[in-house]
Amino acid sequence: MPPISAILASVVLLGLPVEVAELVLPDQRGDRDSLSAHRGNVVVAMVVTARRLRNLKGWERDLRERFEEVEFLRVADVPEDPPVTYRDVADKLADRVPEEVAVLIDVDRRWANALGLDTDRPNILLIDRQGHLVARFRGRSEPELVEEVSLRIEELLREP
């Protein structure tokens, strides 16, 4: 049997479970993206249930203009009950989300399951340039939490 360190190394890539780091998901227009496609950049991944995507609007407002050099990934976690298809979610997003905003659709809940996320409220995940998950935050865009997230992003941007 291989040593536990070898087993763990095969399960984790770039500080994240392989299933998250390398997972390619479609957005509402059918374009595909993955976290690994953004290596070399600071990334803010926002993961929330598809039913509560509107809760990301405050985070977008508070972070996007302030940090133009940061890349943002929005992931809609699709609840298992009632069963919903990719097309159901994509059609709703196409109607409700501005065309220039891509939302990745995770029908199999791989992000939430692999990272143990409760997606009823927004999860803000900070990923450094090497692809390591360095911070997690959860909640609505409240001034104190936004300030905490912003300070951490500023630190990441100063790192080479």
Protein backbone atom coordinates (compact mmCIF):
# COMPACT_ATOMS: atom_id res chain seq x y z
CA MET A 1 0.00 0.00 0.00
CA PRO A 2 1.41 3.47 -0.89
CA PRO A 3 2.24 5.88 1.93
CA ILE A 4 -0.54 8.27 2.97
CA SER A 5 1.43 11.24 1.57
CA ALA A 6 1.36 9.67 -1.91
CA ILE A 7 -2.39 9.11 -1.65
CA LEU A 8 -2.98 12.70 -0.53
CA ALA A 9 -0.75 14.04 -3.30
CA SER A 10 -2.85 12.24 -5.89
CA VAL A 11 -6.06 13.74 -4.51
CA VAL A 12 -4.91 17.36 -4.31
CA LEU A 13 -3.66 19.53 -7.15
CA LEU A 14 -2.54 23.11 -6.60
CA GLY A 15 -3.95 23.18 -3.08
CA LEU A 16 -7.43 22.20 -4.23
CA PRO A 17 -9.04 18.85 -4.87
CA VAL A 18 -8.25 17.75 -8.43
CA GLU A 19 -11.96 17.56 -9.17
CA VAL A 20 -12.22 21.32 -8.53
CA ALA A 21 -8.90 22.57 -9.94
CA GLU A 22 -9.29 20.74 -13.24
CA LEU A 23 -13.08 20.69 -13.49
CA VAL A 24 -14.30 22.25 -16.74
CA LEU A 25 -17.85 23.58 -16.50
CA PRO A 26 -20.15 25.19 -19.06
CA ASP A 27 -21.59 28.64 -18.52
CA GLN A 28 -25.08 29.74 -19.56
CA ARG A 29 -23.94 30.30 -23.17
CA GLY A 30 -22.22 26.92 -23.46
CA ASP A 31 -18.68 28.34 -23.20
CA ARG A 32 -16.42 26.32 -20.95
CA ASP A 33 -14.02 27.46 -18.23
CA SER A 34 -12.03 26.02 -15.36
CA LEU A 35 -10.02 27.24 -12.44
CA SER A 36 -6.84 25.78 -13.95
CA ALA A 37 -7.29 28.07 -16.99
CA HIS A 38 -6.59 31.03 -14.70
CA ARG A 39 -3.26 29.87 -13.25
CA GLY A 40 -0.84 32.73 -12.82
CA ASN A 41 -3.62 35.10 -11.75
CA VAL A 42 -5.30 35.88 -8.47
CA VAL A 43 -8.81 34.45 -8.68
CA VAL A 44 -11.93 35.15 -6.67
CA ALA A 45 -14.30 32.21 -7.06
CA MET A 46 -17.84 32.88 -5.90
CA VAL A 47 -19.94 29.77 -5.32
CA VAL A 48 -23.61 29.91 -4.40
CA THR A 49 -26.74 27.91 -5.09
CA ALA A 50 -28.35 28.81 -8.40
CA ARG A 51 -31.45 29.91 -6.50
CA ARG A 52 -29.48 32.65 -4.74
CA LEU A 53 -27.23 33.96 -7.50
CA ARG A 54 -28.62 37.44 -6.96
CA ASN A 55 -26.70 37.44 -3.66
CA LEU A 56 -23.48 37.74 -5.67
CA LYS A 57 -24.51 41.15 -6.98
CA GLY A 58 -23.24 42.92 -3.85
CA TRP A 59 -19.91 41.09 -4.01
CA GLU A 60 -19.59 42.01 -7.68
CA ARG A 61 -20.29 45.65 -6.89
CA ASP A 62 -17.88 45.76 -3.94
CA LEU A 63 -14.94 43.83 -5.46
CA ARG A 64 -14.98 43.97 -9.25
CA GLU A 65 -14.32 47.68 -9.74
CA ARG A 66 -11.84 47.81 -6.88
CA PHE A 67 -9.76 44.89 -8.16
CA GLU A 68 -9.66 45.08 -11.95
CA GLU A 69 -6.58 42.81 -12.16
CA VAL A 70 -8.31 39.96 -10.32
CA GLU A 71 -10.12 37.26 -12.28
CA PHE A 72 -13.60 36.30 -11.12
CA LEU A 73 -15.28 32.93 -11.49
CA ARG A 74 -18.94 32.62 -10.64
CA VAL A 75 -20.21 29.10 -9.98
CA ALA A 76 -23.91 28.27 -9.68
CA ASP A 77 -24.34 25.20 -7.52
CA VAL A 78 -27.45 23.38 -8.73
CA PRO A 79 -29.55 21.83 -5.96
CA GLU A 80 -30.41 18.15 -6.23
CA ASP A 81 -34.01 18.62 -5.13
CA PRO A 82 -35.99 19.17 -7.22
CA PRO A 83 -33.95 17.78 -10.11
CA VAL A 84 -32.83 20.56 -12.46
CA THR A 85 -30.97 20.25 -15.74
CA TYR A 86 -28.16 22.35 -17.17
CA ARG A 87 -30.59 23.70 -19.79
CA ASP A 88 -33.11 24.79 -17.09
CA VAL A 89 -30.44 26.84 -15.33
CA ALA A 90 -28.82 28.15 -18.52
CA ASP A 91 -32.15 29.43 -19.85
CA LYS A 92 -32.92 31.29 -16.62
CA LEU A 93 -29.43 32.77 -16.46
CA ALA A 94 -29.60 33.89 -20.09
CA ASP A 95 -32.75 35.85 -19.22
CA ARG A 96 -31.56 37.31 -15.91
CA VAL A 97 -27.80 37.82 -16.11
CA PRO A 98 -26.10 40.46 -18.27
CA GLU A 99 -24.62 38.93 -21.42
CA GLU A 100 -21.03 39.79 -20.47
CA VAL A 101 -21.31 37.95 -17.13
CA ALA A 102 -20.49 34.25 -17.32
CA VAL A 103 -21.83 31.92 -14.65
CA LEU A 104 -20.46 28.38 -14.58
CA ILE A 105 -23.17 25.80 -13.97
CA ASP A 106 -22.26 22.94 -11.63
CA VAL A 107 -25.14 20.50 -12.03
CA ASP A 108 -23.27 17.74 -10.19
CA ARG A 109 -22.36 20.00 -7.22
CA ARG A 110 -18.68 19.03 -7.53
CA TRP A 111 -17.35 22.35 -6.17
CA ALA A 112 -19.67 22.28 -3.16
CA ASN A 113 -19.12 18.60 -2.40
CA ALA A 114 -15.33 18.60 -2.85
CA LEU A 115 -14.85 21.70 -0.71
CA GLY A 116 -17.61 21.03 1.81
CA LEU A 117 -19.45 24.25 0.96
CA ASP A 118 -22.89 25.24 2.19
CA THR A 119 -24.06 27.22 -0.82
CA ASP A 120 -27.21 28.76 0.66
CA ARG A 121 -25.08 31.87 1.17
CA PRO A 122 -22.25 33.04 -1.10
CA ASN A 123 -18.87 31.40 -0.64
CA ILE A 124 -15.97 33.64 -1.60
CA LEU A 125 -12.82 31.62 -2.31
CA LEU A 126 -9.47 33.31 -2.86
CA ILE A 127 -6.95 31.47 -5.00
CA ASP A 128 -3.36 32.70 -5.34
CA ARG A 129 -1.31 32.85 -8.53
CA GLN A 130 -0.01 29.31 -7.95
CA GLY A 131 -3.55 27.95 -7.74
CA HIS A 132 -3.67 27.46 -3.98
CA LEU A 133 -6.88 28.07 -2.10
CA VAL A 134 -5.66 30.56 0.51
CA ALA A 135 -8.85 31.88 2.09
CA ARG A 136 -12.56 31.14 2.34
CA PHE A 137 -15.32 33.49 3.34
CA ARG A 138 -19.06 32.92 3.54
CA GLY A 139 -21.92 35.36 3.68
CA ARG A 140 -23.57 38.32 2.08
CA SER A 141 -21.63 41.39 1.05
CA GLU A 142 -21.55 43.20 4.42
CA PRO A 143 -19.05 46.06 4.98
CA GLU A 144 -16.91 44.25 7.59
CA LEU A 145 -16.69 41.06 5.54
CA VAL A 146 -16.00 42.99 2.32
CA GLU A 147 -13.15 44.80 4.08
CA GLU A 148 -11.68 41.51 5.34
CA VAL A 149 -11.86 39.95 1.87
CA SER A 150 -10.42 43.10 0.26
CA LEU A 151 -7.43 43.17 2.61
CA ARG A 152 -6.66 39.54 1.79
CA ILE A 153 -6.95 40.20 -1.96
CA GLU A 154 -4.58 43.16 -1.63
CA GLU A 155 -2.05 40.86 0.09
CA LEU A 156 -2.37 38.31 -2.70
CA LEU A 157 -1.85 40.95 -5.37
CA ARG A 158 1.41 42.05 -3.72
CA GLU A 159 2.78 38.49 -3.83
CA PRO A 160 4.79 37.52 -6.93
